[in-house]
Amino acid sequence: MKIKNLILTLSLLYLALGCGNNTSAMDNESNAGITITHNDEVDMHQSEEEGNAVNLNNGMKWKANAETTQGIEDMKNEISKFDKSNVTPISLKELSIALNSDYQNVFAKCTMTGDAHTNLHHYLLPINGMLKEIENSEPQNGLLVIAKLEEHLNSYSIYFE
């Protein structure tokens, strides 16, 4: 228990200093020959800030760095390429891998600071839960989560430019 608290404290300290240069230890799961990588720091950051809403910058969109916007576009492209007519647990895991890679890249290339950074994280953190749901879903539920994620990704342009 003490080790877990120490790891949590150190991870939160790391996240407080910035989200770039993500060199955390990652854990891997292997399932049906597919490897899924989870970033525990993102999980802890999510639990710390879960439920916080994204706000506009006094009625204006936040300025996002190009890599963040590209990462969102990459996730949207992965979903648009996904064959929704032939969904299997394996195809959901493959989609989850691709989306998770794009998601991790957004965090790794994060250069935003201040309120823009905080609001970006409020926007990004729900995605982590949706990715885990997609990874572990049966086909019918997976399609529902994909639709929810797609809607969330499409809302990016409401808050960021």
C-alpha atoms as a PDB file:
ATOM      1  CA  MET A   1       0.000   0.000   0.000  1.00  0.00           C
ATOM      2  CA  LYS A   2       2.830   2.412   0.857  1.00  0.00           C
ATOM      3  CA  ILE A   3       4.542   1.660  -2.454  1.00  0.00           C
ATOM      4  CA  LYS A   4       1.299   2.326  -4.333  1.00  0.00           C
ATOM      5  CA  ASN A   5       0.902   5.686  -2.557  1.00  0.00           C
ATOM      6  CA  LEU A   6       4.522   6.564  -3.328  1.00  0.00           C
ATOM      7  CA  ILE A   7       4.061   5.707  -6.994  1.00  0.00           C
ATOM      8  CA  LEU A   8       0.846   7.733  -7.112  1.00  0.00           C
ATOM      9  CA  THR A   9       2.516  10.730  -5.460  1.00  0.00           C
ATOM     10  CA  LEU A  10       5.534  10.615  -7.765  1.00  0.00           C
ATOM     11  CA  SER A  11       3.328  10.245 -10.824  1.00  0.00           C
ATOM     12  CA  LEU A  12       1.157  13.178  -9.828  1.00  0.00           C
ATOM     13  CA  LEU A  13       4.278  15.260  -9.248  1.00  0.00           C
ATOM     14  CA  TYR A  14       5.535  14.312 -12.686  1.00  0.00           C
ATOM     15  CA  LEU A  15       2.201  15.273 -14.246  1.00  0.00           C
ATOM     16  CA  ALA A  16       2.160  18.570 -12.389  1.00  0.00           C
ATOM     17  CA  LEU A  17       5.470  19.466 -14.011  1.00  0.00           C
ATOM     18  CA  GLY A  18       4.112  18.914 -17.507  1.00  0.00           C
ATOM     19  CA  CYS A  19       2.842  16.262 -19.806  1.00  0.00           C
ATOM     20  CA  GLY A  20       5.598  16.333 -22.444  1.00  0.00           C
ATOM     21  CA  ASN A  21       8.468  13.867 -22.663  1.00  0.00           C
ATOM     22  CA  ASN A  22       6.311  10.997 -21.514  1.00  0.00           C
ATOM     23  CA  THR A  23       8.879   8.416 -20.473  1.00  0.00           C
ATOM     24  CA  SER A  24       6.789   6.550 -17.946  1.00  0.00           C
ATOM     25  CA  ALA A  25       6.878   2.856 -17.422  1.00  0.00           C
ATOM     26  CA  MET A  26       4.129   1.234 -19.421  1.00  0.00           C
ATOM     27  CA  ASP A  27       2.452  -2.075 -18.893  1.00  0.00           C
ATOM     28  CA  ASN A  28       1.459  -4.439 -21.672  1.00  0.00           C
ATOM     29  CA  GLU A  29      -1.356  -6.916 -21.948  1.00  0.00           C
ATOM     30  CA  SER A  30      -1.344  -9.638 -24.526  1.00  0.00           C
ATOM     31  CA  ASN A  31      -4.688 -10.966 -25.638  1.00  0.00           C
ATOM     32  CA  ALA A  32      -5.345 -13.058 -28.740  1.00  0.00           C
ATOM     33  CA  GLY A  33      -1.887 -12.155 -30.040  1.00  0.00           C
ATOM     34  CA  ILE A  34      -2.582  -8.409 -29.796  1.00  0.00           C
ATOM     35  CA  THR A  35      -0.578  -6.230 -27.442  1.00  0.00           C
ATOM     36  CA  ILE A  36      -2.312  -3.280 -25.795  1.00  0.00           C
ATOM     37  CA  THR A  37      -0.244  -0.683 -23.944  1.00  0.00           C
ATOM     38  CA  HIS A  38      -1.693   1.285 -21.043  1.00  0.00           C
ATOM     39  CA  ASN A  39      -0.108   4.352 -19.565  1.00  0.00           C
ATOM     40  CA  ASP A  40      -0.731   4.299 -15.815  1.00  0.00           C
ATOM     41  CA  GLU A  41       0.136   7.997 -15.523  1.00  0.00           C
ATOM     42  CA  VAL A  42      -2.769   8.874 -17.789  1.00  0.00           C
ATOM     43  CA  ASP A  43      -5.032   6.632 -15.679  1.00  0.00           C
ATOM     44  CA  MET A  44      -3.974   8.433 -12.480  1.00  0.00           C
ATOM     45  CA  HIS A  45      -4.310  11.827 -14.094  1.00  0.00           C
ATOM     46  CA  GLN A  46      -7.804  10.859 -15.217  1.00  0.00           C
ATOM     47  CA  SER A  47      -8.936   9.798 -11.768  1.00  0.00           C
ATOM     48  CA  GLU A  48      -7.578  13.041 -10.349  1.00  0.00           C
ATOM     49  CA  GLU A  49      -9.483  15.265 -12.773  1.00  0.00           C
ATOM     50  CA  GLU A  50     -12.398  13.087 -13.883  1.00  0.00           C
ATOM     51  CA  GLY A  51     -15.666  14.945 -14.197  1.00  0.00           C
ATOM     52  CA  ASN A  52     -14.184  18.397 -14.828  1.00  0.00           C
ATOM     53  CA  ALA A  53     -15.806  20.200 -17.735  1.00  0.00           C
ATOM     54  CA  VAL A  54     -14.046  21.852 -20.646  1.00  0.00           C
ATOM     55  CA  ASN A  55     -14.644  25.594 -20.755  1.00  0.00           C
ATOM     56  CA  LEU A  56     -14.082  28.179 -23.447  1.00  0.00           C
ATOM     57  CA  ASN A  57     -11.524  30.953 -23.018  1.00  0.00           C
ATOM     58  CA  ASN A  58     -13.916  33.824 -22.229  1.00  0.00           C
ATOM     59  CA  GLY A  59     -16.179  32.700 -25.067  1.00  0.00           C
ATOM     60  CA  MET A  60     -13.255  32.044 -27.427  1.00  0.00           C
ATOM     61  CA  LYS A  61     -11.561  28.809 -28.460  1.00  0.00           C
ATOM     62  CA  TRP A  62      -8.285  27.810 -26.799  1.00  0.00           C
ATOM     63  CA  LYS A  63      -5.146  27.799 -28.930  1.00  0.00           C
ATOM     64  CA  ALA A  64      -3.932  24.209 -29.246  1.00  0.00           C
ATOM     65  CA  ASN A  65      -0.557  23.107 -30.529  1.00  0.00           C
ATOM     66  CA  ALA A  66      -0.562  21.554 -34.015  1.00  0.00           C
ATOM     67  CA  GLU A  67       0.441  18.114 -32.723  1.00  0.00           C
ATOM     68  CA  THR A  68      -2.599  17.960 -30.458  1.00  0.00           C
ATOM     69  CA  THR A  69      -4.964  18.882 -33.275  1.00  0.00           C
ATOM     70  CA  GLN A  70      -3.262  16.348 -35.545  1.00  0.00           C
ATOM     71  CA  GLY A  71      -3.634  13.645 -32.886  1.00  0.00           C
ATOM     72  CA  ILE A  72      -7.380  14.297 -32.668  1.00  0.00           C
ATOM     73  CA  GLU A  73      -7.618  14.145 -36.468  1.00  0.00           C
ATOM     74  CA  ASP A  74      -5.641  10.888 -36.480  1.00  0.00           C
ATOM     75  CA  MET A  75      -8.112   9.344 -34.011  1.00  0.00           C
ATOM     76  CA  LYS A  76     -11.055  10.511 -36.130  1.00  0.00           C
ATOM     77  CA  ASN A  77      -9.416   8.952 -39.205  1.00  0.00           C
ATOM     78  CA  GLU A  78      -8.907   5.630 -37.410  1.00  0.00           C
ATOM     79  CA  ILE A  79     -12.599   5.536 -36.576  1.00  0.00           C
ATOM     80  CA  SER A  80     -13.645   6.440 -40.122  1.00  0.00           C
ATOM     81  CA  LYS A  81     -11.447   3.604 -41.515  1.00  0.00           C
ATOM     82  CA  PHE A  82     -12.913   1.079 -39.066  1.00  0.00           C
ATOM     83  CA  ASP A  83     -15.273  -1.443 -40.701  1.00  0.00           C
ATOM     84  CA  LYS A  84     -18.395  -1.093 -38.563  1.00  0.00           C
ATOM     85  CA  SER A  85     -20.173  -3.793 -40.551  1.00  0.00           C
ATOM     86  CA  ASN A  86     -17.789  -6.561 -39.437  1.00  0.00           C
ATOM     87  CA  VAL A  87     -17.029  -5.930 -35.761  1.00  0.00           C
ATOM     88  CA  THR A  88     -15.323  -8.619 -33.700  1.00  0.00           C
ATOM     89  CA  PRO A  89     -13.547  -8.549 -30.328  1.00  0.00           C
ATOM     90  CA  ILE A  90     -10.238  -8.714 -32.220  1.00  0.00           C
ATOM     91  CA  SER A  91     -11.137  -5.827 -34.545  1.00  0.00           C
ATOM     92  CA  LEU A  92     -12.102  -3.775 -31.479  1.00  0.00           C
ATOM     93  CA  LYS A  93      -8.743  -4.523 -29.872  1.00  0.00           C
ATOM     94  CA  GLU A  94      -6.939  -3.536 -33.080  1.00  0.00           C
ATOM     95  CA  LEU A  95      -8.891  -0.265 -33.204  1.00  0.00           C
ATOM     96  CA  SER A  96      -8.105   0.318 -29.541  1.00  0.00           C
ATOM     97  CA  ILE A  97      -4.384  -0.157 -30.233  1.00  0.00           C
ATOM     98  CA  ALA A  98      -4.421   2.380 -33.068  1.00  0.00           C
ATOM     99  CA  LEU A  99      -6.480   4.910 -31.110  1.00  0.00           C
ATOM    100  CA  ASN A 100      -4.373   4.449 -27.986  1.00  0.00           C
ATOM    101  CA  SER A 101      -1.209   5.135 -29.985  1.00  0.00           C
ATOM    102  CA  ASP A 102      -2.642   8.397 -31.305  1.00  0.00           C
ATOM    103  CA  TYR A 103      -3.894   9.292 -27.816  1.00  0.00           C
ATOM    104  CA  GLN A 104      -0.482   8.659 -26.233  1.00  0.00           C
ATOM    105  CA  ASN A 105       1.135  10.810 -28.931  1.00  0.00           C
ATOM    106  CA  VAL A 106      -1.095  13.732 -27.973  1.00  0.00           C
ATOM    107  CA  PHE A 107       0.132  13.483 -24.375  1.00  0.00           C
ATOM    108  CA  ALA A 108       3.743  12.954 -25.403  1.00  0.00           C
ATOM    109  CA  LYS A 109       3.733  16.021 -27.651  1.00  0.00           C
ATOM    110  CA  CYS A 110       1.791  18.277 -25.293  1.00  0.00           C
ATOM    111  CA  THR A 111       3.366  21.727 -25.073  1.00  0.00           C
ATOM    112  CA  MET A 112       0.373  23.708 -23.856  1.00  0.00           C
ATOM    113  CA  THR A 113       0.463  25.509 -20.516  1.00  0.00           C
ATOM    114  CA  GLY A 114      -1.856  27.293 -18.122  1.00  0.00           C
ATOM    115  CA  ASP A 115      -5.633  27.224 -18.510  1.00  0.00           C
ATOM    116  CA  ALA A 116      -5.397  26.011 -22.111  1.00  0.00           C
ATOM    117  CA  HIS A 117      -3.428  22.981 -20.883  1.00  0.00           C
ATOM    118  CA  THR A 118      -5.902  22.313 -18.073  1.00  0.00           C
ATOM    119  CA  ASN A 119      -8.879  22.486 -20.419  1.00  0.00           C
ATOM    120  CA  LEU A 120      -7.142  20.258 -22.953  1.00  0.00           C
ATOM    121  CA  HIS A 121      -6.666  17.627 -20.266  1.00  0.00           C
ATOM    122  CA  HIS A 122     -10.307  17.962 -19.216  1.00  0.00           C
ATOM    123  CA  TYR A 123     -11.190  17.292 -22.846  1.00  0.00           C
ATOM    124  CA  LEU A 124      -8.749  14.392 -23.327  1.00  0.00           C
ATOM    125  CA  LEU A 125      -9.261  12.419 -20.145  1.00  0.00           C
ATOM    126  CA  PRO A 126     -12.702  10.960 -20.933  1.00  0.00           C
ATOM    127  CA  ILE A 127     -11.155   9.458 -24.070  1.00  0.00           C
ATOM    128  CA  ASN A 128      -9.009   7.145 -21.938  1.00  0.00           C
ATOM    129  CA  GLY A 129     -12.080   5.475 -20.426  1.00  0.00           C
ATOM    130  CA  MET A 130     -13.698   5.103 -23.835  1.00  0.00           C
ATOM    131  CA  LEU A 131     -10.553   3.459 -25.227  1.00  0.00           C
ATOM    132  CA  LYS A 132     -10.564   0.928 -22.408  1.00  0.00           C
ATOM    133  CA  GLU A 133     -14.253   0.235 -23.025  1.00  0.00           C
ATOM    134  CA  ILE A 134     -13.636  -0.325 -26.743  1.00  0.00           C
ATOM    135  CA  GLU A 135     -10.756  -2.665 -25.951  1.00  0.00           C
ATOM    136  CA  ASN A 136     -12.861  -4.812 -23.620  1.00  0.00           C
ATOM    137  CA  SER A 137     -16.249  -4.624 -25.355  1.00  0.00           C
ATOM    138  CA  GLU A 138     -18.382  -7.108 -27.153  1.00  0.00           C
ATOM    139  CA  PRO A 139     -19.181  -5.947 -30.706  1.00  0.00           C
ATOM    140  CA  GLN A 140     -22.581  -4.349 -30.036  1.00  0.00           C
ATOM    141  CA  ASN A 141     -21.390  -2.349 -27.031  1.00  0.00           C
ATOM    142  CA  GLY A 142     -18.153  -1.524 -28.829  1.00  0.00           C
ATOM    143  CA  LEU A 143     -20.114   0.176 -31.609  1.00  0.00           C
ATOM    144  CA  LEU A 144     -21.956   2.297 -29.049  1.00  0.00           C
ATOM    145  CA  VAL A 145     -18.701   3.385 -27.413  1.00  0.00           C
ATOM    146  CA  ILE A 146     -17.142   4.127 -30.806  1.00  0.00           C
ATOM    147  CA  ALA A 147     -20.115   6.378 -31.626  1.00  0.00           C
ATOM    148  CA  LYS A 148     -19.712   8.128 -28.264  1.00  0.00           C
ATOM    149  CA  LEU A 149     -15.965   8.598 -28.867  1.00  0.00           C
ATOM    150  CA  GLU A 150     -16.580   9.891 -32.381  1.00  0.00           C
ATOM    151  CA  GLU A 151     -19.043  12.451 -31.028  1.00  0.00           C
ATOM    152  CA  HIS A 152     -16.521  13.511 -28.382  1.00  0.00           C
ATOM    153  CA  LEU A 153     -13.719  13.865 -30.937  1.00  0.00           C
ATOM    154  CA  ASN A 154     -15.980  15.936 -33.179  1.00  0.00           C
ATOM    155  CA  SER A 155     -16.557  18.342 -30.282  1.00  0.00           C
ATOM    156  CA  TYR A 156     -12.820  19.239 -30.186  1.00  0.00           C
ATOM    157  CA  SER A 157     -13.357  22.117 -32.627  1.00  0.00           C
ATOM    158  CA  ILE A 158     -15.901  23.684 -30.281  1.00  0.00           C
ATOM    159  CA  TYR A 159     -13.191  24.339 -27.682  1.00  0.00           C
ATOM    160  CA  PHE A 160      -9.860  24.376 -29.524  1.00  0.00           C
ATOM    161  CA  GLU A 161      -8.326  25.819 -32.666  1.00  0.00           C
END
